[in-house]
Amino acid sequence: PEHVVIQHQQQGGKHVGSKKVAVAFLHTDAYTFA
């Protein structure tokens, strides 16, 4: 699905796992949805 991952930084530039969010869209027909 079309998507993007939003990553948030802490001080020092380290990424924290719980601070990643993937937002996706899937409006396609049933044929390609599954």
PDB file of all heavy atoms in Angstrom:
ATOM      1  N   PRO A   1       0.843  -1.205   0.000  1.00  0.00           N
ATOM      2  CA  PRO A   1       0.000   0.000   0.000  1.00  0.00           C
ATOM      3  C   PRO A   1       0.877   1.253   0.000  1.00  0.00           C
ATOM      4  O   PRO A   1       1.997   1.244   0.539  1.00  0.00           O
ATOM      5  CB  PRO A   1      -0.797  -0.127   1.307  1.00  0.00           C
ATOM      6  CG  PRO A   1      -0.772  -1.581   1.635  1.00  0.00           C
ATOM      7  CD  PRO A   1       0.543  -2.089   1.140  1.00  0.00           C
ATOM      8  N   GLU A   2       0.390   2.314  -0.615  1.00  0.00           N
ATOM      9  CA  GLU A   2       1.112   3.589  -0.585  1.00  0.00           C
ATOM     10  C   GLU A   2       1.243   4.036   0.872  1.00  0.00           C
ATOM     11  O   GLU A   2       0.259   4.105   1.604  1.00  0.00           O
ATOM     12  CB  GLU A   2       0.365   4.647  -1.392  1.00  0.00           C
ATOM     13  CG  GLU A   2       0.247   4.333  -2.878  1.00  0.00           C
ATOM     14  CD  GLU A   2       1.554   4.509  -3.625  1.00  0.00           C
ATOM     15  OE1 GLU A   2       2.449   5.202  -3.084  1.00  0.00           O
ATOM     16  OE2 GLU A   2       1.684   3.961  -4.730  1.00  0.00           O
ATOM     17  N   HIS A   3       2.472   4.354   1.285  1.00  0.00           N
ATOM     18  CA  HIS A   3       2.677   4.633   2.711  1.00  0.00           C
ATOM     19  C   HIS A   3       3.887   5.533   2.912  1.00  0.00           C
ATOM     20  O   HIS A   3       4.694   5.759   2.006  1.00  0.00           O
ATOM     21  CB  HIS A   3       2.893   3.329   3.478  1.00  0.00           C
ATOM     22  CG  HIS A   3       4.235   2.697   3.207  1.00  0.00           C
ATOM     23  ND1 HIS A   3       4.483   1.957   2.069  1.00  0.00           N
ATOM     24  CD2 HIS A   3       5.409   2.739   3.895  1.00  0.00           C
ATOM     25  CE1 HIS A   3       5.733   1.543   2.075  1.00  0.00           C
ATOM     26  NE2 HIS A   3       6.330   2.012   3.163  1.00  0.00           N
ATOM     27  N   VAL A   4       4.020   6.022   4.128  1.00  0.00           N
ATOM     28  CA  VAL A   4       5.189   6.766   4.569  1.00  0.00           C
ATOM     29  C   VAL A   4       5.402   6.461   6.049  1.00  0.00           C
ATOM     30  O   VAL A   4       4.432   6.242   6.792  1.00  0.00           O
ATOM     31  CB  VAL A   4       5.014   8.286   4.338  1.00  0.00           C
ATOM     32  CG1 VAL A   4       3.858   8.848   5.175  1.00  0.00           C
ATOM     33  CG2 VAL A   4       6.298   9.049   4.640  1.00  0.00           C
ATOM     34  N   VAL A   5       6.667   6.413   6.460  1.00  0.00           N
ATOM     35  CA  VAL A   5       7.017   6.193   7.862  1.00  0.00           C
ATOM     36  C   VAL A   5       7.511   7.507   8.446  1.00  0.00           C
ATOM     37  O   VAL A   5       8.416   8.133   7.900  1.00  0.00           O
ATOM     38  CB  VAL A   5       8.098   5.103   8.020  1.00  0.00           C
ATOM     39  CG1 VAL A   5       8.452   4.912   9.495  1.00  0.00           C
ATOM     40  CG2 VAL A   5       7.620   3.789   7.415  1.00  0.00           C
ATOM     41  N   ILE A   6       6.902   7.909   9.542  1.00  0.00           N
ATOM     42  CA  ILE A   6       7.269   9.151  10.229  1.00  0.00           C
ATOM     43  C   ILE A   6       8.136   8.778  11.422  1.00  0.00           C
ATOM     44  O   ILE A   6       7.694   8.075  12.333  1.00  0.00           O
ATOM     45  CB  ILE A   6       6.014   9.914  10.689  1.00  0.00           C
ATOM     46  CG1 ILE A   6       5.077  10.143   9.507  1.00  0.00           C
ATOM     47  CG2 ILE A   6       6.400  11.243  11.325  1.00  0.00           C
ATOM     48  CD1 ILE A   6       3.715  10.682   9.900  1.00  0.00           C
ATOM     49  N   GLN A   7       9.391   9.230  11.402  1.00  0.00           N
ATOM     50  CA  GLN A   7      10.353   8.898  12.454  1.00  0.00           C
ATOM     51  C   GLN A   7      10.640  10.135  13.286  1.00  0.00           C
ATOM     52  O   GLN A   7      10.932  11.200  12.744  1.00  0.00           O
ATOM     53  CB  GLN A   7      11.663   8.385  11.851  1.00  0.00           C
ATOM     54  CG  GLN A   7      11.507   7.152  10.978  1.00  0.00           C
ATOM     55  CD  GLN A   7      12.836   6.677  10.437  1.00  0.00           C
ATOM     56  OE1 GLN A   7      13.875   7.270  10.679  1.00  0.00           O
ATOM     57  NE2 GLN A   7      12.808   5.598   9.682  1.00  0.00           N
ATOM     58  N   HIS A   8      10.580   9.958  14.599  1.00  0.00           N
ATOM     59  CA  HIS A   8      10.830  11.075  15.506  1.00  0.00           C
ATOM     60  C   HIS A   8      12.176  10.902  16.189  1.00  0.00           C
ATOM     61  O   HIS A   8      12.582   9.797  16.524  1.00  0.00           O
ATOM     62  CB  HIS A   8       9.712  11.189  16.538  1.00  0.00           C
ATOM     63  CG  HIS A   8       8.403  11.574  15.928  1.00  0.00           C
ATOM     64  ND1 HIS A   8       7.986  12.877  15.818  1.00  0.00           N
ATOM     65  CD2 HIS A   8       7.446  10.817  15.338  1.00  0.00           C
ATOM     66  CE1 HIS A   8       6.817  12.909  15.212  1.00  0.00           C
ATOM     67  NE2 HIS A   8       6.467  11.674  14.906  1.00  0.00           N
ATOM     68  N   GLN A   9      12.858  12.018  16.387  1.00  0.00           N
ATOM     69  CA  GLN A   9      14.197  12.011  16.942  1.00  0.00           C
ATOM     70  C   GLN A   9      14.192  12.459  18.392  1.00  0.00           C
ATOM     71  O   GLN A   9      13.391  13.298  18.807  1.00  0.00           O
ATOM     72  CB  GLN A   9      15.109  12.946  16.146  1.00  0.00           C
ATOM     73  CG  GLN A   9      15.379  12.476  14.718  1.00  0.00           C
ATOM     74  CD  GLN A   9      16.236  13.480  13.984  1.00  0.00           C
ATOM     75  OE1 GLN A   9      15.930  14.669  13.958  1.00  0.00           O
ATOM     76  NE2 GLN A   9      17.317  12.999  13.399  1.00  0.00           N
ATOM     77  N   GLN A  10      15.151  11.866  19.154  1.00  0.00           N
ATOM     78  CA  GLN A  10      15.448  12.378  20.482  1.00  0.00           C
ATOM     79  C   GLN A  10      16.717  13.214  20.397  1.00  0.00           C
ATOM     80  O   GLN A  10      17.370  13.283  19.358  1.00  0.00           O
ATOM     81  CB  GLN A  10      15.659  11.224  21.463  1.00  0.00           C
ATOM     82  CG  GLN A  10      14.364  10.561  21.926  1.00  0.00           C
ATOM     83  CD  GLN A  10      14.627   9.590  23.039  1.00  0.00           C
ATOM     84  OE1 GLN A  10      15.680   8.965  23.089  1.00  0.00           O
ATOM     85  NE2 GLN A  10      13.690   9.465  23.954  1.00  0.00           N
ATOM     86  N   GLN A  11      17.103  13.833  21.490  1.00  0.00           N
ATOM     87  CA  GLN A  11      18.346  14.596  21.512  1.00  0.00           C
ATOM     88  C   GLN A  11      19.508  13.658  21.217  1.00  0.00           C
ATOM     89  O   GLN A  11      19.563  12.540  21.721  1.00  0.00           O
ATOM     90  CB  GLN A  11      18.545  15.269  22.870  1.00  0.00           C
ATOM     91  CG  GLN A  11      17.547  16.390  23.123  1.00  0.00           C
ATOM     92  CD  GLN A  11      17.801  17.087  24.430  1.00  0.00           C
ATOM     93  OE1 GLN A  11      18.637  16.666  25.217  1.00  0.00           O
ATOM     94  NE2 GLN A  11      17.080  18.171  24.667  1.00  0.00           N
ATOM     95  N   GLY A  12      20.412  14.117  20.400  1.00  0.00           N
ATOM     96  CA  GLY A  12      21.527  13.270  20.006  1.00  0.00           C
ATOM     97  C   GLY A  12      21.286  12.587  18.686  1.00  0.00           C
ATOM     98  O   GLY A  12      22.156  11.936  18.148  1.00  0.00           O
ATOM     99  N   GLY A  13      20.072  12.725  18.153  1.00  0.00           N
ATOM    100  CA  GLY A  13      19.787  12.181  16.830  1.00  0.00           C
ATOM    101  C   GLY A  13      19.445  10.721  16.820  1.00  0.00           C
ATOM    102  O   GLY A  13      19.337  10.119  15.758  1.00  0.00           O
ATOM    103  N   LYS A  14      19.261  10.069  17.975  1.00  0.00           N
ATOM    104  CA  LYS A  14      18.921   8.655  18.003  1.00  0.00           C
ATOM    105  C   LYS A  14      17.432   8.461  17.788  1.00  0.00           C
ATOM    106  O   LYS A  14      16.616   9.198  18.304  1.00  0.00           O
ATOM    107  CB  LYS A  14      19.335   8.040  19.335  1.00  0.00           C
ATOM    108  CG  LYS A  14      20.835   8.058  19.566  1.00  0.00           C
ATOM    109  CD  LYS A  14      21.177   7.410  20.903  1.00  0.00           C
ATOM    110  CE  LYS A  14      22.686   7.422  21.145  1.00  0.00           C
ATOM    111  NZ  LYS A  14      23.016   6.819  22.449  1.00  0.00           N
ATOM    112  N   HIS A  15      17.080   7.421  17.046  1.00  0.00           N
ATOM    113  CA  HIS A  15      15.685   7.111  16.782  1.00  0.00           C
ATOM    114  C   HIS A  15      15.187   6.115  17.819  1.00  0.00           C
ATOM    115  O   HIS A  15      15.861   5.149  18.155  1.00  0.00           O
ATOM    116  CB  HIS A  15      15.514   6.530  15.382  1.00  0.00           C
ATOM    117  CG  HIS A  15      15.810   7.527  14.315  1.00  0.00           C
ATOM    118  ND1 HIS A  15      14.939   8.523  13.970  1.00  0.00           N
ATOM    119  CD2 HIS A  15      16.901   7.692  13.523  1.00  0.00           C
ATOM    120  CE1 HIS A  15      15.458   9.263  13.010  1.00  0.00           C
ATOM    121  NE2 HIS A  15      16.649   8.784  12.728  1.00  0.00           N
ATOM    122  N   VAL A  16      14.029   6.350  18.329  1.00  0.00           N
ATOM    123  CA  VAL A  16      13.423   5.465  19.304  1.00  0.00           C
ATOM    124  C   VAL A  16      12.349   4.652  18.598  1.00  0.00           C
ATOM    125  O   VAL A  16      11.512   5.198  17.878  1.00  0.00           O
ATOM    126  CB  VAL A  16      12.807   6.275  20.463  1.00  0.00           C
ATOM    127  CG1 VAL A  16      12.134   5.325  21.457  1.00  0.00           C
ATOM    128  CG2 VAL A  16      13.880   7.091  21.137  1.00  0.00           C
ATOM    129  N   GLY A  17      12.373   3.316  18.801  1.00  0.00           N
ATOM    130  CA  GLY A  17      11.454   2.456  18.077  1.00  0.00           C
ATOM    131  C   GLY A  17      10.005   2.823  18.262  1.00  0.00           C
ATOM    132  O   GLY A  17       9.231   2.791  17.320  1.00  0.00           O
ATOM    133  N   SER A  18       9.590   3.154  19.466  1.00  0.00           N
ATOM    134  CA  SER A  18       8.189   3.470  19.731  1.00  0.00           C
ATOM    135  C   SER A  18       7.768   4.785  19.102  1.00  0.00           C
ATOM    136  O   SER A  18       6.594   5.130  19.123  1.00  0.00           O
ATOM    137  CB  SER A  18       7.943   3.523  21.244  1.00  0.00           C
ATOM    138  OG  SER A  18       8.728   4.554  21.825  1.00  0.00           O
ATOM    139  N   LYS A  19       8.739   5.519  18.530  1.00  0.00           N
ATOM    140  CA  LYS A  19       8.447   6.814  17.924  1.00  0.00           C
ATOM    141  C   LYS A  19       8.439   6.751  16.403  1.00  0.00           C
ATOM    142  O   LYS A  19       8.746   7.725  15.730  1.00  0.00           O
ATOM    143  CB  LYS A  19       9.467   7.855  18.406  1.00  0.00           C
ATOM    144  CG  LYS A  19       9.421   8.119  19.902  1.00  0.00           C
ATOM    145  CD  LYS A  19       8.064   8.653  20.343  1.00  0.00           C
ATOM    146  CE  LYS A  19       8.078   8.969  21.828  1.00  0.00           C
ATOM    147  NZ  LYS A  19       6.771   9.469  22.300  1.00  0.00           N
ATOM    148  N   LYS A  20       8.089   5.592  15.859  1.00  0.00           N
ATOM    149  CA  LYS A  20       7.940   5.449  14.412  1.00  0.00           C
ATOM    150  C   LYS A  20       6.488   5.106  14.107  1.00  0.00           C
ATOM    151  O   LYS A  20       5.920   4.206  14.720  1.00  0.00           O
ATOM    152  CB  LYS A  20       8.851   4.350  13.863  1.00  0.00           C
ATOM    153  CG  LYS A  20      10.342   4.622  13.995  1.00  0.00           C
ATOM    154  CD  LYS A  20      11.127   3.475  13.379  1.00  0.00           C
ATOM    155  CE  LYS A  20      12.622   3.673  13.547  1.00  0.00           C
ATOM    156  NZ  LYS A  20      13.389   2.539  12.959  1.00  0.00           N
ATOM    157  N   VAL A  21       5.934   5.830  13.167  1.00  0.00           N
ATOM    158  CA  VAL A  21       4.537   5.613  12.783  1.00  0.00           C
ATOM    159  C   VAL A  21       4.469   5.463  11.265  1.00  0.00           C
ATOM    160  O   VAL A  21       4.976   6.317  10.532  1.00  0.00           O
ATOM    161  CB  VAL A  21       3.640   6.789  13.230  1.00  0.00           C
ATOM    162  CG1 VAL A  21       2.192   6.544  12.814  1.00  0.00           C
ATOM    163  CG2 VAL A  21       3.740   6.996  14.735  1.00  0.00           C
ATOM    164  N   ALA A  22       3.862   4.366  10.806  1.00  0.00           N
ATOM    165  CA  ALA A  22       3.657   4.154   9.370  1.00  0.00           C
ATOM    166  C   ALA A  22       2.191   4.409   9.048  1.00  0.00           C
ATOM    167  O   ALA A  22       1.306   3.772   9.623  1.00  0.00           O
ATOM    168  CB  ALA A  22       4.053   2.741   8.971  1.00  0.00           C
ATOM    169  N   VAL A  23       1.946   5.335   8.139  1.00  0.00           N
ATOM    170  CA  VAL A  23       0.589   5.652   7.696  1.00  0.00           C
ATOM    171  C   VAL A  23       0.455   5.196   6.252  1.00  0.00           C
ATOM    172  O   VAL A  23       1.258   5.583   5.400  1.00  0.00           O
ATOM    173  CB  VAL A  23       0.289   7.157   7.817  1.00  0.00           C
ATOM    174  CG1 VAL A  23      -1.127   7.460   7.321  1.00  0.00           C
ATOM    175  CG2 VAL A  23       0.462   7.620   9.261  1.00  0.00           C
ATOM    176  N   ALA A  24      -0.555   4.379   5.961  1.00  0.00           N
ATOM    177  CA  ALA A  24      -0.731   3.812   4.629  1.00  0.00           C
ATOM    178  C   ALA A  24      -2.173   3.980   4.172  1.00  0.00           C
ATOM    179  O   ALA A  24      -3.091   4.132   4.992  1.00  0.00           O
ATOM    180  CB  ALA A  24      -0.337   2.338   4.618  1.00  0.00           C
ATOM    181  N   PHE A  25      -2.374   3.938   2.851  1.00  0.00           N
ATOM    182  CA  PHE A  25      -3.710   4.055   2.259  1.00  0.00           C
ATOM    183  C   PHE A  25      -3.923   2.889   1.299  1.00  0.00           C
ATOM    184  O   PHE A  25      -3.033   2.536   0.523  1.00  0.00           O
ATOM    185  CB  PHE A  25      -3.852   5.373   1.495  1.00  0.00           C
ATOM    186  CG  PHE A  25      -3.613   6.597   2.347  1.00  0.00           C
ATOM    187  CD1 PHE A  25      -2.372   7.226   2.354  1.00  0.00           C
ATOM    188  CD2 PHE A  25      -4.622   7.114   3.147  1.00  0.00           C
ATOM    189  CE1 PHE A  25      -2.138   8.345   3.131  1.00  0.00           C
ATOM    190  CE2 PHE A  25      -4.403   8.230   3.934  1.00  0.00           C
ATOM    191  CZ  PHE A  25      -3.155   8.852   3.927  1.00  0.00           C
ATOM    192  N   LEU A  26      -5.131   2.319   1.336  1.00  0.00           N
ATOM    193  CA  LEU A  26      -5.463   1.208   0.446  1.00  0.00           C
ATOM    194  C   LEU A  26      -6.936   1.328   0.048  1.00  0.00           C
ATOM    195  O   LEU A  26      -7.817   0.703   0.623  1.00  0.00           O
ATOM    196  CB  LEU A  26      -5.191  -0.137   1.128  1.00  0.00           C
ATOM    197  CG  LEU A  26      -5.172  -1.370   0.219  1.00  0.00           C
ATOM    198  CD1 LEU A  26      -4.200  -1.195  -0.933  1.00  0.00           C
ATOM    199  CD2 LEU A  26      -4.823  -2.629   1.003  1.00  0.00           C
ATOM    200  N   HIS A  27      -7.179   2.156  -0.965  1.00  0.00           N
ATOM    201  CA  HIS A  27      -8.541   2.383  -1.454  1.00  0.00           C
ATOM    202  C   HIS A  27      -8.835   1.543  -2.697  1.00  0.00           C
ATOM    203  O   HIS A  27      -9.869   1.740  -3.328  1.00  0.00           O
ATOM    204  CB  HIS A  27      -8.733   3.859  -1.819  1.00  0.00           C
ATOM    205  CG  HIS A  27      -8.343   4.819  -0.734  1.00  0.00           C
ATOM    206  ND1 HIS A  27      -8.834   4.732   0.542  1.00  0.00           N
ATOM    207  CD2 HIS A  27      -7.502   5.894  -0.746  1.00  0.00           C
ATOM    208  CE1 HIS A  27      -8.316   5.719   1.277  1.00  0.00           C
ATOM    209  NE2 HIS A  27      -7.519   6.428   0.521  1.00  0.00           N
ATOM    210  N   THR A  28      -7.947   0.629  -3.046  1.00  0.00           N
ATOM    211  CA  THR A  28      -8.071  -0.102  -4.307  1.00  0.00           C
ATOM    212  C   THR A  28      -9.268  -1.047  -4.281  1.00  0.00           C
ATOM    213  O   THR A  28      -9.869  -1.316  -3.239  1.00  0.00           O
ATOM    214  CB  THR A  28      -6.801  -0.917  -4.581  1.00  0.00           C
ATOM    215  OG1 THR A  28      -6.578  -1.813  -3.480  1.00  0.00           O
ATOM    216  CG2 THR A  28      -5.601  -0.009  -4.732  1.00  0.00           C
ATOM    217  N   ASP A  29      -9.585  -1.572  -5.480  1.00  0.00           N
ATOM    218  CA  ASP A  29     -10.686  -2.524  -5.595  1.00  0.00           C
ATOM    219  C   ASP A  29     -10.322  -3.847  -4.936  1.00  0.00           C
ATOM    220  O   ASP A  29      -9.168  -4.085  -4.552  1.00  0.00           O
ATOM    221  CB  ASP A  29     -11.030  -2.746  -7.070  1.00  0.00           C
ATOM    222  CG  ASP A  29      -9.815  -3.132  -7.890  1.00  0.00           C
ATOM    223  OD1 ASP A  29      -9.307  -4.246  -7.696  1.00  0.00           O
ATOM    224  OD2 ASP A  29      -9.353  -2.315  -8.719  1.00  0.00           O
ATOM    225  N   ALA A  30     -11.309  -4.720  -4.814  1.00  0.00           N
ATOM    226  CA  ALA A  30     -11.119  -5.990  -4.106  1.00  0.00           C
ATOM    227  C   ALA A  30     -10.047  -6.856  -4.755  1.00  0.00           C
ATOM    228  O   ALA A  30      -9.371  -7.637  -4.071  1.00  0.00           O
ATOM    229  CB  ALA A  30     -12.444  -6.747  -4.044  1.00  0.00           C
ATOM    230  N   TYR A  31      -9.862  -6.721  -6.056  1.00  0.00           N
ATOM    231  CA  TYR A  31      -8.920  -7.568  -6.783  1.00  0.00           C
ATOM    232  C   TYR A  31      -7.490  -7.366  -6.296  1.00  0.00           C
ATOM    233  O   TYR A  31      -6.730  -8.320  -6.142  1.00  0.00           O
ATOM    234  CB  TYR A  31      -9.015  -7.278  -8.276  1.00  0.00           C
ATOM    235  CG  TYR A  31      -8.215  -8.217  -9.140  1.00  0.00           C
ATOM    236  CD1 TYR A  31      -8.760  -9.427  -9.572  1.00  0.00           C
ATOM    237  CD2 TYR A  31      -6.915  -7.894  -9.523  1.00  0.00           C
ATOM    238  CE1 TYR A  31      -8.027 -10.296 -10.363  1.00  0.00           C
ATOM    239  CE2 TYR A  31      -6.171  -8.756 -10.315  1.00  0.00           C
ATOM    240  CZ  TYR A  31      -6.732  -9.958 -10.728  1.00  0.00           C
ATOM    241  OH  TYR A  31      -5.993 -10.817 -11.503  1.00  0.00           O
ATOM    242  N   THR A  32      -7.111  -6.117  -6.062  1.00  0.00           N
ATOM    243  CA  THR A  32      -5.744  -5.826  -5.618  1.00  0.00           C
ATOM    244  C   THR A  32      -5.643  -5.602  -4.116  1.00  0.00           C
ATOM    245  O   THR A  32      -4.533  -5.515  -3.583  1.00  0.00           O
ATOM    246  CB  THR A  32      -5.211  -4.571  -6.339  1.00  0.00           C
ATOM    247  OG1 THR A  32      -6.132  -3.488  -6.133  1.00  0.00           O
ATOM    248  CG2 THR A  32      -5.065  -4.822  -7.822  1.00  0.00           C
ATOM    249  N   PHE A  33      -6.775  -5.503  -3.440  1.00  0.00           N
ATOM    250  CA  PHE A  33      -6.755  -5.224  -2.004  1.00  0.00           C
ATOM    251  C   PHE A  33      -6.097  -6.357  -1.224  1.00  0.00           C
ATOM    252  O   PHE A  33      -5.196  -6.130  -0.403  1.00  0.00           O
ATOM    253  CB  PHE A  33      -8.179  -4.993  -1.494  1.00  0.00           C
ATOM    254  CG  PHE A  33      -8.265  -4.695  -0.018  1.00  0.00           C
ATOM    255  CD1 PHE A  33      -8.175  -3.388   0.438  1.00  0.00           C
ATOM    256  CD2 PHE A  33      -8.418  -5.713   0.917  1.00  0.00           C
ATOM    257  CE1 PHE A  33      -8.242  -3.102   1.797  1.00  0.00           C
ATOM    258  CE2 PHE A  33      -8.487  -5.441   2.273  1.00  0.00           C
ATOM    259  CZ  PHE A  33      -8.398  -4.129   2.716  1.00  0.00           C
ATOM    260  N   ALA A  34      -6.540  -7.593  -1.469  1.00  0.00           N
ATOM    261  CA  ALA A  34      -6.094  -8.733  -0.657  1.00  0.00           C
ATOM    262  C   ALA A  34      -4.579  -8.941  -0.708  1.00  0.00           C
ATOM    263  O   ALA A  34      -3.927  -9.060   0.351  1.00  0.00           O
ATOM    264  CB  ALA A  34      -6.845  -9.996  -1.070  1.00  0.00           C
TER     265      ALA A  34
END
